[in-house]
Amino acid sequence: MRLLKTVFVTLFFIAAITFAIKNQESVSLQYYFINDEVWTMPLFLLVFISILLGILVAGFGGVFTGFKLKQEIKRQQKTILELEDELNSLRNLPIMESKQPYE
């Protein structure tokens, strides 16, 4: 498994390096809220920055979801303990015979 991971990471870096070498043309970036400024950068840098920002946003979303799930687990465990206590108390009740015959 470790060998497979190493091969995959190596191939990924080789692909990234060859992408960077082949895409060195400059591109200009202009956005709606940036009126007069035009940023110029190599295409590969723009792609790598976009990928990095996507990874960061997804990572923060994953961390937020993880915290919510941990809170839900704690709440569910508390409910389970309460229900188990109730079940044990019901099991320990003495059995009473009914005075009415079955219908």
C-alpha atoms as a PDB file:
ATOM      1  CA  MET A   1       0.000   0.000   0.000  1.00  0.00           C
ATOM      2  CA  ARG A   2       2.828   2.372   0.867  1.00  0.00           C
ATOM      3  CA  LEU A   3       4.513   1.624  -2.466  1.00  0.00           C
ATOM      4  CA  LEU A   4       1.298   2.342  -4.355  1.00  0.00           C
ATOM      5  CA  LYS A   5       0.889   5.653  -2.543  1.00  0.00           C
ATOM      6  CA  THR A   6       4.504   6.617  -3.289  1.00  0.00           C
ATOM      7  CA  VAL A   7       4.069   5.790  -6.982  1.00  0.00           C
ATOM      8  CA  PHE A   8       0.831   7.781  -7.155  1.00  0.00           C
ATOM      9  CA  VAL A   9       2.340  10.847  -5.445  1.00  0.00           C
ATOM     10  CA  THR A  10       5.420  10.673  -7.680  1.00  0.00           C
ATOM     11  CA  LEU A  11       3.276  10.502 -10.825  1.00  0.00           C
ATOM     12  CA  PHE A  12       1.181  13.418  -9.572  1.00  0.00           C
ATOM     13  CA  PHE A  13       4.266  15.586  -9.021  1.00  0.00           C
ATOM     14  CA  ILE A  14       5.690  14.656 -12.419  1.00  0.00           C
ATOM     15  CA  ALA A  15       2.379  15.622 -14.035  1.00  0.00           C
ATOM     16  CA  ALA A  16       2.311  18.905 -12.086  1.00  0.00           C
ATOM     17  CA  ILE A  17       5.873  19.781 -13.095  1.00  0.00           C
ATOM     18  CA  THR A  18       5.279  19.006 -16.767  1.00  0.00           C
ATOM     19  CA  PHE A  19       2.051  21.037 -16.637  1.00  0.00           C
ATOM     20  CA  ALA A  20       3.997  23.972 -15.204  1.00  0.00           C
ATOM     21  CA  ILE A  21       6.698  23.691 -17.862  1.00  0.00           C
ATOM     22  CA  LYS A  22       4.218  23.530 -20.753  1.00  0.00           C
ATOM     23  CA  ASN A  23       1.934  26.354 -19.506  1.00  0.00           C
ATOM     24  CA  GLN A  24       4.181  29.312 -18.793  1.00  0.00           C
ATOM     25  CA  GLU A  25       2.265  31.808 -20.910  1.00  0.00           C
ATOM     26  CA  SER A  26       1.107  34.863 -19.021  1.00  0.00           C
ATOM     27  CA  VAL A  27      -2.588  35.391 -18.495  1.00  0.00           C
ATOM     28  CA  SER A  28      -4.262  38.509 -17.200  1.00  0.00           C
ATOM     29  CA  LEU A  29      -6.829  38.243 -14.467  1.00  0.00           C
ATOM     30  CA  GLN A  30      -9.504  40.874 -14.002  1.00  0.00           C
ATOM     31  CA  TYR A  31     -12.568  40.590 -11.803  1.00  0.00           C
ATOM     32  CA  TYR A  32     -15.726  42.621 -11.306  1.00  0.00           C
ATOM     33  CA  PHE A  33     -14.826  44.243  -8.000  1.00  0.00           C
ATOM     34  CA  ILE A  34     -11.270  45.099  -9.005  1.00  0.00           C
ATOM     35  CA  ASN A  35     -11.935  47.969 -11.385  1.00  0.00           C
ATOM     36  CA  ASP A  36      -8.678  49.083 -12.947  1.00  0.00           C
ATOM     37  CA  GLU A  37      -6.214  46.484 -11.737  1.00  0.00           C
ATOM     38  CA  VAL A  38      -5.189  43.643 -14.001  1.00  0.00           C
ATOM     39  CA  TRP A  39      -3.070  40.904 -12.502  1.00  0.00           C
ATOM     40  CA  THR A  40      -0.692  39.099 -14.812  1.00  0.00           C
ATOM     41  CA  MET A  41       0.685  35.700 -13.895  1.00  0.00           C
ATOM     42  CA  PRO A  42       1.679  32.441 -15.563  1.00  0.00           C
ATOM     43  CA  LEU A  43      -1.193  30.105 -16.370  1.00  0.00           C
ATOM     44  CA  PHE A  44       0.160  27.228 -14.276  1.00  0.00           C
ATOM     45  CA  LEU A  45       0.373  29.507 -11.226  1.00  0.00           C
ATOM     46  CA  LEU A  46      -3.246  30.565 -11.659  1.00  0.00           C
ATOM     47  CA  VAL A  47      -4.341  26.918 -11.915  1.00  0.00           C
ATOM     48  CA  PHE A  48      -2.289  25.873  -8.871  1.00  0.00           C
ATOM     49  CA  ILE A  49      -3.646  28.769  -6.793  1.00  0.00           C
ATOM     50  CA  SER A  50      -7.198  27.842  -7.802  1.00  0.00           C
ATOM     51  CA  ILE A  51      -6.644  24.208  -6.823  1.00  0.00           C
ATOM     52  CA  LEU A  52      -5.074  25.239  -3.505  1.00  0.00           C
ATOM     53  CA  LEU A  53      -7.990  27.547  -2.682  1.00  0.00           C
ATOM     54  CA  GLY A  54     -10.439  24.756  -3.500  1.00  0.00           C
ATOM     55  CA  ILE A  55      -8.591  22.368  -1.200  1.00  0.00           C
ATOM     56  CA  LEU A  56      -8.588  24.936   1.616  1.00  0.00           C
ATOM     57  CA  VAL A  57     -12.311  25.671   1.280  1.00  0.00           C
ATOM     58  CA  ALA A  58     -13.141  21.958   1.220  1.00  0.00           C
ATOM     59  CA  GLY A  59     -10.868  21.384   4.227  1.00  0.00           C
ATOM     60  CA  PHE A  60     -12.583  24.079   6.275  1.00  0.00           C
ATOM     61  CA  GLY A  61     -15.955  22.636   5.308  1.00  0.00           C
ATOM     62  CA  GLY A  62     -14.788  19.197   6.410  1.00  0.00           C
ATOM     63  CA  VAL A  63     -13.564  20.506   9.754  1.00  0.00           C
ATOM     64  CA  PHE A  64     -16.876  22.287  10.347  1.00  0.00           C
ATOM     65  CA  THR A  65     -18.826  19.151   9.449  1.00  0.00           C
ATOM     66  CA  GLY A  66     -16.590  17.087  11.732  1.00  0.00           C
ATOM     67  CA  PHE A  67     -17.338  19.348  14.692  1.00  0.00           C
ATOM     68  CA  LYS A  68     -21.069  19.143  14.012  1.00  0.00           C
ATOM     69  CA  LEU A  69     -20.896  15.349  13.816  1.00  0.00           C
ATOM     70  CA  LYS A  70     -18.965  15.122  17.095  1.00  0.00           C
ATOM     71  CA  GLN A  71     -21.635  17.205  18.809  1.00  0.00           C
ATOM     72  CA  GLU A  72     -24.345  14.969  17.361  1.00  0.00           C
ATOM     73  CA  ILE A  73     -22.493  11.852  18.557  1.00  0.00           C
ATOM     74  CA  LYS A  74     -22.261  13.248  22.092  1.00  0.00           C
ATOM     75  CA  ARG A  75     -25.963  14.104  22.065  1.00  0.00           C
ATOM     76  CA  GLN A  76     -26.881  10.635  20.800  1.00  0.00           C
ATOM     77  CA  GLN A  77     -24.655   8.942  23.403  1.00  0.00           C
ATOM     78  CA  LYS A  78     -26.353  10.936  26.153  1.00  0.00           C
ATOM     79  CA  THR A  79     -29.766   9.871  24.837  1.00  0.00           C
ATOM     80  CA  ILE A  80     -28.628   6.240  24.703  1.00  0.00           C
ATOM     81  CA  LEU A  81     -27.463   6.362  28.328  1.00  0.00           C
ATOM     82  CA  GLU A  82     -30.764   7.884  29.443  1.00  0.00           C
ATOM     83  CA  LEU A  83     -32.759   5.241  27.578  1.00  0.00           C
ATOM     84  CA  GLU A  84     -30.600   2.419  28.961  1.00  0.00           C
ATOM     85  CA  ASP A  85     -31.145   3.738  32.492  1.00  0.00           C
ATOM     86  CA  GLU A  86     -34.884   3.864  31.887  1.00  0.00           C
ATOM     87  CA  LEU A  87     -34.853   0.331  30.476  1.00  0.00           C
ATOM     88  CA  ASN A  88     -32.909  -0.989  33.469  1.00  0.00           C
ATOM     89  CA  SER A  89     -35.305   0.680  35.892  1.00  0.00           C
ATOM     90  CA  LEU A  90     -38.261  -0.888  34.068  1.00  0.00           C
ATOM     91  CA  ARG A  91     -36.600  -4.310  34.149  1.00  0.00           C
ATOM     92  CA  ASN A  92     -36.173  -4.065  37.916  1.00  0.00           C
ATOM     93  CA  LEU A  93     -39.844  -3.384  38.612  1.00  0.00           C
ATOM     94  CA  PRO A  94     -41.596  -6.233  40.411  1.00  0.00           C
ATOM     95  CA  ILE A  95     -44.106  -8.225  38.432  1.00  0.00           C
ATOM     96  CA  MET A  96     -47.637  -7.606  39.652  1.00  0.00           C
ATOM     97  CA  GLU A  97     -50.380 -10.098  39.082  1.00  0.00           C
ATOM     98  CA  SER A  98     -53.502  -8.604  37.668  1.00  0.00           C
ATOM     99  CA  LYS A  99     -56.731  -9.188  39.543  1.00  0.00           C
ATOM    100  CA  GLN A 100     -58.862  -9.176  36.430  1.00  0.00           C
ATOM    101  CA  PRO A 101     -59.114 -12.255  34.259  1.00  0.00           C
ATOM    102  CA  TYR A 102     -57.971 -12.105  30.705  1.00  0.00           C
ATOM    103  CA  GLU A 103     -60.645 -11.244  28.248  1.00  0.00           C
END
